[in-house]
C-alpha atoms as a PDB file:
ATOM      1  CA  MET A   1     -35.338  72.568  87.683  1.00  0.00           C
ATOM      2  CA  LYS A   2     -32.724  71.422  85.183  1.00  0.00           C
ATOM      3  CA  SER A   3     -34.850  71.174  82.049  1.00  0.00           C
ATOM      4  CA  LYS A   4     -35.710  74.335  80.121  1.00  0.00           C
ATOM      5  CA  LEU A   5     -37.976  72.512  77.694  1.00  0.00           C
ATOM      6  CA  ILE A   6     -40.830  70.082  78.376  1.00  0.00           C
ATOM      7  CA  LEU A   7     -42.360  68.413  75.334  1.00  0.00           C
ATOM      8  CA  VAL A   8     -45.859  66.899  75.476  1.00  0.00           C
ATOM      9  CA  GLU A   9     -46.776  64.320  72.837  1.00  0.00           C
ATOM     10  CA  GLY A  10     -49.431  61.696  72.121  1.00  0.00           C
ATOM     11  CA  LEU A  11     -52.171  60.877  69.653  1.00  0.00           C
ATOM     12  CA  PRO A  12     -55.280  63.070  69.117  1.00  0.00           C
ATOM     13  CA  GLY A  13     -57.695  62.555  71.977  1.00  0.00           C
ATOM     14  CA  SER A  14     -55.055  61.259  74.382  1.00  0.00           C
ATOM     15  CA  GLY A  15     -55.215  64.315  76.641  1.00  0.00           C
ATOM     16  CA  LYS A  16     -52.167  66.257  75.436  1.00  0.00           C
ATOM     17  CA  SER A  17     -53.737  69.674  75.811  1.00  0.00           C
ATOM     18  CA  THR A  18     -54.885  69.000  79.360  1.00  0.00           C
ATOM     19  CA  THR A  19     -51.477  67.549  80.209  1.00  0.00           C
ATOM     20  CA  ALA A  20     -49.585  70.540  78.830  1.00  0.00           C
ATOM     21  CA  ARG A  21     -51.759  72.948  80.830  1.00  0.00           C
ATOM     22  CA  MET A  22     -51.297  70.872  83.988  1.00  0.00           C
ATOM     23  CA  ILE A  23     -47.518  70.889  83.562  1.00  0.00           C
ATOM     24  CA  HIS A  24     -47.542  74.646  83.101  1.00  0.00           C
ATOM     25  CA  ASP A  25     -49.643  75.064  86.253  1.00  0.00           C
ATOM     26  CA  ILE A  26     -47.288  72.819  88.241  1.00  0.00           C
ATOM     27  CA  LEU A  27     -44.284  74.855  87.116  1.00  0.00           C
ATOM     28  CA  ILE A  28     -45.997  78.099  88.115  1.00  0.00           C
ATOM     29  CA  GLU A  29     -46.893  76.574  91.500  1.00  0.00           C
ATOM     30  CA  LYS A  30     -43.194  75.809  91.954  1.00  0.00           C
ATOM     31  CA  GLY A  31     -42.427  79.494  91.376  1.00  0.00           C
ATOM     32  CA  LEU A  32     -40.807  78.980  87.974  1.00  0.00           C
ATOM     33  CA  ASN A  33     -41.039  81.284  84.988  1.00  0.00           C
ATOM     34  CA  ALA A  34     -42.849  79.086  82.462  1.00  0.00           C
ATOM     35  CA  GLY A  35     -44.250  79.621  78.978  1.00  0.00           C
ATOM     36  CA  LEU A  36     -46.973  77.408  77.512  1.00  0.00           C
ATOM     37  CA  TYR A  37     -47.254  76.975  73.736  1.00  0.00           C
ATOM     38  CA  MET A  38     -50.189  74.927  72.552  1.00  0.00           C
ATOM     39  CA  GLU A  39     -50.849  73.366  69.168  1.00  0.00           C
ATOM     40  CA  GLY A  40     -51.714  76.062  66.628  1.00  0.00           C
ATOM     41  CA  ASN A  41     -49.995  78.930  68.476  1.00  0.00           C
ATOM     42  CA  LEU A  42     -49.060  81.468  65.777  1.00  0.00           C
ATOM     43  CA  ASP A  43     -46.337  82.868  68.052  1.00  0.00           C
ATOM     44  CA  HIS A  44     -44.577  79.557  68.572  1.00  0.00           C
ATOM     45  CA  PRO A  45     -40.883  80.259  69.270  1.00  0.00           C
ATOM     46  CA  ALA A  46     -39.507  77.069  67.668  1.00  0.00           C
ATOM     47  CA  ASP A  47     -41.967  75.727  65.116  1.00  0.00           C
ATOM     48  CA  TYR A  48     -43.559  77.429  62.133  1.00  0.00           C
ATOM     49  CA  GLU A  49     -47.336  77.689  62.407  1.00  0.00           C
ATOM     50  CA  GLY A  50     -49.149  79.437  59.566  1.00  0.00           C
ATOM     51  CA  VAL A  51     -45.919  80.604  57.935  1.00  0.00           C
ATOM     52  CA  ALA A  52     -45.248  80.512  54.197  1.00  0.00           C
ATOM     53  CA  TYR A  53     -41.820  79.972  52.631  1.00  0.00           C
ATOM     54  CA  PHE A  54     -40.653  81.899  49.563  1.00  0.00           C
ATOM     55  CA  THR A  55     -37.440  82.093  47.607  1.00  0.00           C
ATOM     56  CA  GLU A  56     -36.254  85.632  46.898  1.00  0.00           C
ATOM     57  CA  GLU A  57     -37.605  85.427  43.352  1.00  0.00           C
ATOM     58  CA  ASP A  58     -40.972  84.010  44.404  1.00  0.00           C
ATOM     59  CA  PHE A  59     -41.383  86.687  47.056  1.00  0.00           C
ATOM     60  CA  GLU A  60     -40.627  89.461  44.568  1.00  0.00           C
ATOM     61  CA  ASN A  61     -43.306  88.001  42.293  1.00  0.00           C
ATOM     62  CA  LEU A  62     -45.732  87.923  45.215  1.00  0.00           C
ATOM     63  CA  LEU A  63     -45.120  91.606  45.883  1.00  0.00           C
ATOM     64  CA  ILE A  64     -45.861  92.426  42.248  1.00  0.00           C
ATOM     65  CA  GLU A  65     -49.098  90.425  42.317  1.00  0.00           C
ATOM     66  CA  SER A  66     -50.340  91.567  45.730  1.00  0.00           C
ATOM     67  CA  GLY A  67     -51.110  95.196  44.896  1.00  0.00           C
ATOM     68  CA  SER A  68     -51.901  97.282  47.971  1.00  0.00           C
ATOM     69  CA  LEU A  69     -50.799  94.476  50.299  1.00  0.00           C
ATOM     70  CA  SER A  70     -47.245  94.598  48.981  1.00  0.00           C
ATOM     71  CA  LYS A  71     -46.105  96.978  51.738  1.00  0.00           C
ATOM     72  CA  THR A  72     -47.795  94.839  54.406  1.00  0.00           C
ATOM     73  CA  PHE A  73     -45.986  91.718  53.236  1.00  0.00           C
ATOM     74  CA  GLN A  74     -42.656  93.561  53.168  1.00  0.00           C
ATOM     75  CA  ASP A  75     -43.230  94.726  56.743  1.00  0.00           C
ATOM     76  CA  TRP A  76     -44.071  91.218  58.005  1.00  0.00           C
ATOM     77  CA  VAL A  77     -41.555  89.076  56.146  1.00  0.00           C
ATOM     78  CA  THR A  78     -38.358  87.834  57.805  1.00  0.00           C
ATOM     79  CA  VAL A  79     -35.277  86.628  55.955  1.00  0.00           C
ATOM     80  CA  LYS A  80     -33.441  83.579  57.291  1.00  0.00           C
ATOM     81  CA  GLY A  81     -30.644  81.928  55.348  1.00  0.00           C
ATOM     82  CA  GLY A  82     -31.922  83.460  52.129  1.00  0.00           C
ATOM     83  CA  ARG A  83     -35.453  82.202  52.823  1.00  0.00           C
ATOM     84  CA  ARG A  84     -38.391  84.598  52.974  1.00  0.00           C
ATOM     85  CA  MET A  85     -40.738  83.589  55.781  1.00  0.00           C
ATOM     86  CA  LEU A  86     -44.191  85.205  55.743  1.00  0.00           C
ATOM     87  CA  PRO A  87     -46.563  84.668  58.735  1.00  0.00           C
ATOM     88  CA  TYR A  88     -49.675  84.724  56.568  1.00  0.00           C
ATOM     89  CA  MET A  89     -52.038  83.429  59.256  1.00  0.00           C
ATOM     90  CA  LYS A  90     -51.116  86.278  61.597  1.00  0.00           C
ATOM     91  CA  ILE A  91     -51.572  88.752  58.758  1.00  0.00           C
ATOM     92  CA  LYS A  92     -54.998  87.256  58.028  1.00  0.00           C
ATOM     93  CA  SER A  93     -56.020  87.491  61.680  1.00  0.00           C
ATOM     94  CA  GLU A  94     -55.063  91.172  61.668  1.00  0.00           C
ATOM     95  CA  LEU A  95     -56.496  92.182  58.281  1.00  0.00           C
ATOM     96  CA  GLY A  96     -59.560  89.940  58.149  1.00  0.00           C
ATOM     97  CA  SER A  97     -61.489  90.600  54.938  1.00  0.00           C
ATOM     98  CA  GLY A  98     -58.719  92.985  53.898  1.00  0.00           C
ATOM     99  CA  PHE A  99     -56.714  89.889  52.962  1.00  0.00           C
ATOM    100  CA  PRO A 100     -58.517  88.515  49.865  1.00  0.00           C
ATOM    101  CA  ASP A 101     -59.412  84.822  50.065  1.00  0.00           C
ATOM    102  CA  GLU A 102     -57.892  84.036  46.676  1.00  0.00           C
ATOM    103  CA  LEU A 103     -54.544  85.580  47.611  1.00  0.00           C
ATOM    104  CA  PHE A 104     -54.648  83.882  51.028  1.00  0.00           C
ATOM    105  CA  ALA A 105     -55.272  80.497  49.389  1.00  0.00           C
ATOM    106  CA  ALA A 106     -52.365  81.011  46.983  1.00  0.00           C
ATOM    107  CA  ILE A 107     -49.982  81.933  49.800  1.00  0.00           C
ATOM    108  CA  SER A 108     -51.139  79.047  52.005  1.00  0.00           C
ATOM    109  CA  LYS A 109     -49.920  76.629  49.320  1.00  0.00           C
ATOM    110  CA  LYS A 110     -46.433  77.894  50.195  1.00  0.00           C
ATOM    111  CA  ASP A 111     -46.837  76.903  53.853  1.00  0.00           C
ATOM    112  CA  VAL A 112     -43.682  75.454  55.430  1.00  0.00           C
ATOM    113  CA  TYR A 113     -45.521  72.171  55.936  1.00  0.00           C
ATOM    114  CA  GLU A 114     -46.365  72.017  52.225  1.00  0.00           C
ATOM    115  CA  LEU A 115     -42.685  72.038  51.277  1.00  0.00           C
ATOM    116  CA  PRO A 116     -41.040  68.907  49.866  1.00  0.00           C
ATOM    117  CA  LEU A 117     -40.050  66.747  52.845  1.00  0.00           C
ATOM    118  CA  LYS A 118     -36.295  67.280  52.611  1.00  0.00           C
ATOM    119  CA  GLU A 119     -36.712  71.048  52.481  1.00  0.00           C
ATOM    120  CA  ASN A 120     -39.277  71.030  55.277  1.00  0.00           C
ATOM    121  CA  ILE A 121     -36.852  69.145  57.515  1.00  0.00           C
ATOM    122  CA  ALA A 122     -34.054  71.629  56.848  1.00  0.00           C
ATOM    123  CA  VAL A 123     -36.249  74.665  57.595  1.00  0.00           C
ATOM    124  CA  ILE A 124     -37.827  73.213  60.746  1.00  0.00           C
ATOM    125  CA  VAL A 125     -34.603  71.868  62.287  1.00  0.00           C
ATOM    126  CA  GLU A 126     -32.902  75.215  61.688  1.00  0.00           C
ATOM    127  CA  SER A 127     -35.769  77.009  63.442  1.00  0.00           C
ATOM    128  CA  TRP A 128     -35.561  74.715  66.499  1.00  0.00           C
ATOM    129  CA  ALA A 129     -31.802  75.225  66.699  1.00  0.00           C
ATOM    130  CA  GLU A 130     -32.252  79.001  66.598  1.00  0.00           C
ATOM    131  CA  PHE A 131     -34.842  78.787  69.381  1.00  0.00           C
ATOM    132  CA  ALA A 132     -32.566  76.616  71.541  1.00  0.00           C
ATOM    133  CA  ARG A 133     -29.640  79.044  71.269  1.00  0.00           C
ATOM    134  CA  LYS A 134     -31.876  81.870  72.441  1.00  0.00           C
ATOM    135  CA  ALA A 135     -33.665  79.897  75.173  1.00  0.00           C
ATOM    136  CA  GLU A 136     -30.419  78.593  76.694  1.00  0.00           C
ATOM    137  CA  SER A 137     -29.630  81.983  78.192  1.00  0.00           C
ATOM    138  CA  GLU A 138     -33.169  82.641  79.461  1.00  0.00           C
ATOM    139  CA  ASN A 139     -34.493  82.005  82.947  1.00  0.00           C
ATOM    140  CA  LYS A 140     -37.577  80.260  81.607  1.00  0.00           C
ATOM    141  CA  VAL A 141     -39.062  76.784  81.133  1.00  0.00           C
ATOM    142  CA  TYR A 142     -40.900  76.230  77.854  1.00  0.00           C
ATOM    143  CA  VAL A 143     -43.790  73.766  77.581  1.00  0.00           C
ATOM    144  CA  PHE A 144     -44.586  72.686  74.011  1.00  0.00           C
ATOM    145  CA  GLU A 145     -47.628  70.659  73.025  1.00  0.00           C
ATOM    146  CA  CYS A 146     -47.404  68.376  69.964  1.00  0.00           C
ATOM    147  CA  CYS A 147     -44.843  69.859  67.611  1.00  0.00           C
ATOM    148  CA  PHE A 148     -41.746  67.805  68.506  1.00  0.00           C
ATOM    149  CA  ILE A 149     -42.964  64.359  67.377  1.00  0.00           C
ATOM    150  CA  GLN A 150     -46.413  64.982  65.953  1.00  0.00           C
ATOM    151  CA  ASN A 151     -45.418  67.433  63.237  1.00  0.00           C
ATOM    152  CA  PRO A 152     -42.453  65.444  61.866  1.00  0.00           C
ATOM    153  CA  VAL A 153     -44.475  62.212  61.865  1.00  0.00           C
ATOM    154  CA  THR A 154     -47.500  63.901  60.329  1.00  0.00           C
ATOM    155  CA  VAL A 155     -45.525  65.411  57.477  1.00  0.00           C
ATOM    156  CA  GLY A 156     -43.190  62.427  57.059  1.00  0.00           C
ATOM    157  CA  MET A 157     -45.522  59.455  57.389  1.00  0.00           C
ATOM    158  CA  VAL A 158     -49.045  60.826  56.974  1.00  0.00           C
ATOM    159  CA  LYS A 159     -48.430  63.394  54.236  1.00  0.00           C
ATOM    160  CA  TYR A 160     -45.582  61.850  52.254  1.00  0.00           C
ATOM    161  CA  GLY A 161     -45.716  58.178  53.237  1.00  0.00           C
ATOM    162  CA  ALA A 162     -41.980  58.234  53.947  1.00  0.00           C
ATOM    163  CA  PRO A 163     -40.213  55.215  55.471  1.00  0.00           C
ATOM    164  CA  ASP A 164     -40.179  55.121  59.282  1.00  0.00           C
ATOM    165  CA  GLU A 165     -36.451  55.821  59.320  1.00  0.00           C
ATOM    166  CA  VAL A 166     -37.015  59.241  57.734  1.00  0.00           C
ATOM    167  CA  SER A 167     -39.420  60.391  60.450  1.00  0.00           C
ATOM    168  CA  ILE A 168     -37.230  58.898  63.173  1.00  0.00           C
ATOM    169  CA  GLU A 169     -34.178  60.763  61.885  1.00  0.00           C
ATOM    170  CA  TYR A 170     -36.246  63.957  61.541  1.00  0.00           C
ATOM    171  CA  VAL A 171     -37.215  63.878  65.231  1.00  0.00           C
ATOM    172  CA  GLN A 172     -33.675  62.957  66.245  1.00  0.00           C
ATOM    173  CA  LYS A 173     -32.358  66.011  64.418  1.00  0.00           C
ATOM    174  CA  ILE A 174     -34.728  68.264  66.326  1.00  0.00           C
ATOM    175  CA  GLY A 175     -33.738  66.479  69.542  1.00  0.00           C
ATOM    176  CA  GLY A 176     -30.113  67.195  68.782  1.00  0.00           C
ATOM    177  CA  ALA A 177     -30.901  70.848  68.123  1.00  0.00           C
ATOM    178  CA  VAL A 178     -32.474  71.312  71.586  1.00  0.00           C
ATOM    179  CA  LYS A 179     -30.105  69.074  73.551  1.00  0.00           C
ATOM    180  CA  LEU A 180     -28.547  72.089  75.280  1.00  0.00           C
ATOM    181  CA  LEU A 181     -31.934  72.780  76.948  1.00  0.00           C
ATOM    182  CA  ASP A 182     -31.947  69.380  78.732  1.00  0.00           C
ATOM    183  CA  PRO A 183     -35.411  68.561  77.361  1.00  0.00           C
ATOM    184  CA  LEU A 184     -37.899  66.228  79.016  1.00  0.00           C
ATOM    185  CA  LEU A 185     -40.590  64.477  76.975  1.00  0.00           C
ATOM    186  CA  VAL A 186     -43.966  63.501  78.425  1.00  0.00           C
ATOM    187  CA  TYR A 187     -45.874  61.062  76.222  1.00  0.00           C
ATOM    188  CA  VAL A 188     -49.588  60.667  76.953  1.00  0.00           C
ATOM    189  CA  LYS A 189     -50.769  57.158  76.195  1.00  0.00           C
ATOM    190  CA  GLN A 190     -54.189  55.626  75.597  1.00  0.00           C
ATOM    191  CA  GLU A 191     -54.686  51.852  75.665  1.00  0.00           C
ATOM    192  CA  ASP A 192     -57.445  51.914  73.036  1.00  0.00           C
ATOM    193  CA  ILE A 193     -56.781  54.349  70.179  1.00  0.00           C
ATOM    194  CA  GLU A 194     -60.199  53.834  68.627  1.00  0.00           C
ATOM    195  CA  ILE A 195     -62.116  54.690  71.805  1.00  0.00           C
ATOM    196  CA  SER A 196     -60.041  57.794  72.562  1.00  0.00           C
ATOM    197  CA  PHE A 197     -60.201  59.081  68.968  1.00  0.00           C
ATOM    198  CA  ARG A 198     -63.944  58.499  68.681  1.00  0.00           C
ATOM    199  CA  LYS A 199     -64.315  60.431  71.947  1.00  0.00           C
ATOM    200  CA  ALA A 200     -62.288  63.305  70.431  1.00  0.00           C
ATOM    201  CA  VAL A 201     -64.435  63.246  67.291  1.00  0.00           C
ATOM    202  CA  ALA A 202     -67.616  63.478  69.365  1.00  0.00           C
ATOM    203  CA  GLU A 203     -66.264  66.465  71.313  1.00  0.00           C
ATOM    204  CA  ARG A 204     -64.809  68.505  68.445  1.00  0.00           C
ATOM    205  CA  PRO A 205     -66.370  70.474  65.565  1.00  0.00           C
ATOM    206  CA  GLU A 206     -67.469  68.590  62.455  1.00  0.00           C
ATOM    207  CA  ASP A 207     -65.116  70.654  60.277  1.00  0.00           C
ATOM    208  CA  TRP A 208     -62.151  69.429  62.336  1.00  0.00           C
ATOM    209  CA  PHE A 209     -63.297  65.838  61.902  1.00  0.00           C
ATOM    210  CA  LYS A 210     -63.756  66.148  58.133  1.00  0.00           C
ATOM    211  CA  GLY A 211     -60.429  67.930  57.650  1.00  0.00           C
ATOM    212  CA  PHE A 212     -58.593  65.386  59.794  1.00  0.00           C
ATOM    213  CA  ILE A 213     -59.971  62.412  57.880  1.00  0.00           C
ATOM    214  CA  GLN A 214     -59.216  64.064  54.549  1.00  0.00           C
ATOM    215  CA  TYR A 215     -55.620  64.749  55.566  1.00  0.00           C
ATOM    216  CA  TYR A 216     -55.025  61.282  56.996  1.00  0.00           C
ATOM    217  CA  THR A 217     -56.522  59.183  54.218  1.00  0.00           C
ATOM    218  CA  SER A 218     -56.102  61.120  50.952  1.00  0.00           C
ATOM    219  CA  GLN A 219     -52.301  61.192  50.818  1.00  0.00           C
ATOM    220  CA  GLY A 220     -49.139  59.488  52.011  1.00  0.00           C
ATOM    221  CA  TYR A 221     -49.590  56.413  54.181  1.00  0.00           C
ATOM    222  CA  GLY A 222     -53.400  56.410  54.004  1.00  0.00           C
ATOM    223  CA  ALA A 223     -53.490  56.677  50.216  1.00  0.00           C
ATOM    224  CA  LYS A 224     -50.874  53.934  49.802  1.00  0.00           C
ATOM    225  CA  LYS A 225     -52.949  51.624  52.000  1.00  0.00           C
ATOM    226  CA  GLU A 226     -56.185  52.707  50.234  1.00  0.00           C
ATOM    227  CA  LEU A 227     -57.784  53.707  53.519  1.00  0.00           C
ATOM    228  CA  SER A 228     -60.823  55.936  53.859  1.00  0.00           C
ATOM    229  CA  GLY A 229     -63.309  57.373  56.323  1.00  0.00           C
ATOM    230  CA  LEU A 230     -63.218  57.145  60.096  1.00  0.00           C
ATOM    231  CA  GLU A 231     -62.153  53.504  60.128  1.00  0.00           C
ATOM    232  CA  GLY A 232     -59.288  54.207  57.745  1.00  0.00           C
ATOM    233  CA  THR A 233     -58.169  57.177  59.820  1.00  0.00           C
ATOM    234  CA  ILE A 234     -58.047  55.001  62.932  1.00  0.00           C
ATOM    235  CA  GLU A 235     -55.819  52.544  61.044  1.00  0.00           C
ATOM    236  CA  VAL A 236     -53.426  55.366  60.158  1.00  0.00           C
ATOM    237  CA  LEU A 237     -53.411  56.478  63.804  1.00  0.00           C
ATOM    238  CA  LYS A 238     -52.529  52.961  64.927  1.00  0.00           C
ATOM    239  CA  ALA A 239     -49.596  52.911  62.497  1.00  0.00           C
ATOM    240  CA  ARG A 240     -48.594  56.377  63.665  1.00  0.00           C
ATOM    241  CA  GLN A 241     -48.559  55.209  67.279  1.00  0.00           C
ATOM    242  CA  GLN A 242     -46.253  52.311  66.441  1.00  0.00           C
ATOM    243  CA  LEU A 243     -43.881  54.720  64.716  1.00  0.00           C
ATOM    244  CA  GLU A 244     -43.988  57.082  67.684  1.00  0.00           C
ATOM    245  CA  TYR A 245     -43.111  54.210  70.012  1.00  0.00           C
ATOM    246  CA  LYS A 246     -40.063  53.489  67.836  1.00  0.00           C
ATOM    247  CA  ILE A 247     -39.067  57.135  68.117  1.00  0.00           C
ATOM    248  CA  LEU A 248     -39.444  57.122  71.911  1.00  0.00           C
ATOM    249  CA  GLU A 249     -37.218  54.072  72.167  1.00  0.00           C
ATOM    250  CA  GLN A 250     -34.439  55.819  70.245  1.00  0.00           C
ATOM    251  CA  LEU A 251     -34.495  59.220  71.911  1.00  0.00           C
ATOM    252  CA  THR A 252     -31.576  60.154  74.145  1.00  0.00           C
ATOM    253  CA  MET A 253     -33.559  62.593  76.305  1.00  0.00           C
ATOM    254  CA  PRO A 254     -35.544  61.543  79.419  1.00  0.00           C
ATOM    255  CA  VAL A 255     -39.007  60.226  78.511  1.00  0.00           C
ATOM    256  CA  SER A 256     -42.030  59.755  80.788  1.00  0.00           C
ATOM    257  CA  ILE A 257     -44.907  57.705  79.388  1.00  0.00           C
ATOM    258  CA  LEU A 258     -48.154  58.310  81.262  1.00  0.00           C
ATOM    259  CA  ASP A 259     -51.227  56.125  80.766  1.00  0.00           C
ATOM    260  CA  ASN A 260     -54.251  58.417  80.613  1.00  0.00           C
ATOM    261  CA  THR A 261     -56.772  55.770  79.576  1.00  0.00           C
ATOM    262  CA  GLN A 262     -59.051  56.449  82.549  1.00  0.00           C
ATOM    263  CA  PHE A 263     -58.988  60.267  82.098  1.00  0.00           C
ATOM    264  CA  ASN A 264     -58.660  60.586  85.878  1.00  0.00           C
ATOM    265  CA  LEU A 265     -57.493  64.177  86.237  1.00  0.00           C
ATOM    266  CA  GLU A 266     -56.316  63.945  89.842  1.00  0.00           C
ATOM    267  CA  CYS A 267     -54.279  60.784  89.265  1.00  0.00           C
ATOM    268  CA  HIS A 268     -52.840  62.283  86.095  1.00  0.00           C
ATOM    269  CA  ARG A 269     -51.884  65.488  87.897  1.00  0.00           C
ATOM    270  CA  ASN A 270     -50.160  63.536  90.668  1.00  0.00           C
ATOM    271  CA  SER A 271     -48.193  61.516  88.105  1.00  0.00           C
ATOM    272  CA  LEU A 272     -47.132  64.725  86.398  1.00  0.00           C
ATOM    273  CA  ARG A 273     -45.971  66.246  89.674  1.00  0.00           C
ATOM    274  CA  LYS A 274     -43.702  63.235  90.185  1.00  0.00           C
ATOM    275  CA  VAL A 275     -42.336  63.625  86.659  1.00  0.00           C
ATOM    276  CA  ILE A 276     -41.668  67.341  87.087  1.00  0.00           C
ATOM    277  CA  MET A 277     -40.015  66.718  90.466  1.00  0.00           C
ATOM    278  CA  GLY A 278     -37.703  64.231  88.782  1.00  0.00           C
ATOM    279  CA  GLU A 279     -39.038  61.123  90.512  1.00  0.00           C
ATOM    280  CA  ASN A 280     -39.987  59.389  87.242  1.00  0.00           C
ATOM    281  CA  THR A 281     -38.122  59.240  83.954  1.00  0.00           C
ATOM    282  CA  ILE A 282     -39.812  56.233  82.325  1.00  0.00           C
ATOM    283  CA  GLU A 283     -43.294  55.087  83.234  1.00  0.00           C
ATOM    284  CA  GLY A 284     -45.484  52.467  81.620  1.00  0.00           C
ATOM    285  CA  ASN A 285     -44.945  50.018  78.804  1.00  0.00           C
ATOM    286  CA  MET A 286     -44.615  51.409  75.293  1.00  0.00           C
ATOM    287  CA  ARG A 287     -45.610  48.111  73.747  1.00  0.00           C
END
């Protein structure tokens, strides 16, 4: 197989997680060394999940204020281009109650995805480029769920309400950084966003639903449009889908668009097999 990176994208409730797992299984069936990285993976090799960014001065201040945890933070921090990157979520998972909630909350405000947009773009694109240089020499196919389009669009459009062109350029920069891996993008499509999202809401915990609505309507695009609640969130998702279609149209990598409206697992798996075998590069109508 030529591609060393398969990217799975789509809106919440479209079936991305299932698709990513199916692709990984197909690769394993073909005898390939494959790694699957789902949304929220704290060990993601390209994206930053649960990682806080500090300048040298800010990190020194953190060490002063963190008391007995100072040594722990020094052991976990990595320095990249003068930036101090602290995987605070991994530290929390290891220490549990030994990581005070107040300190955790303060550090989480320094999360990479809380950075000003321009700085976030620089940090994330650099991380993807570093991953690509390493992965190029490996005998391995990586399968990533969500982070290639979803994260840039979420931070660009949803969080900051940036013009479409900013999010489009953001994704294109990441695409350029991983070009040497011959990436393939699989976009999972639903004909009716409202039905698929309401289905996701019914299946997921209430805390996820409340947090999602808060994030999508209280800032950026949602706040500018004065949207609220479930209905407002669906409106943001519709706008997000239109932006993602624009991005797909402008990507230079192969793209396969699979309609998963019927949630027919066997049909979906067969379509994916054709994609992985190189029989399909574009499928469906983005509009």
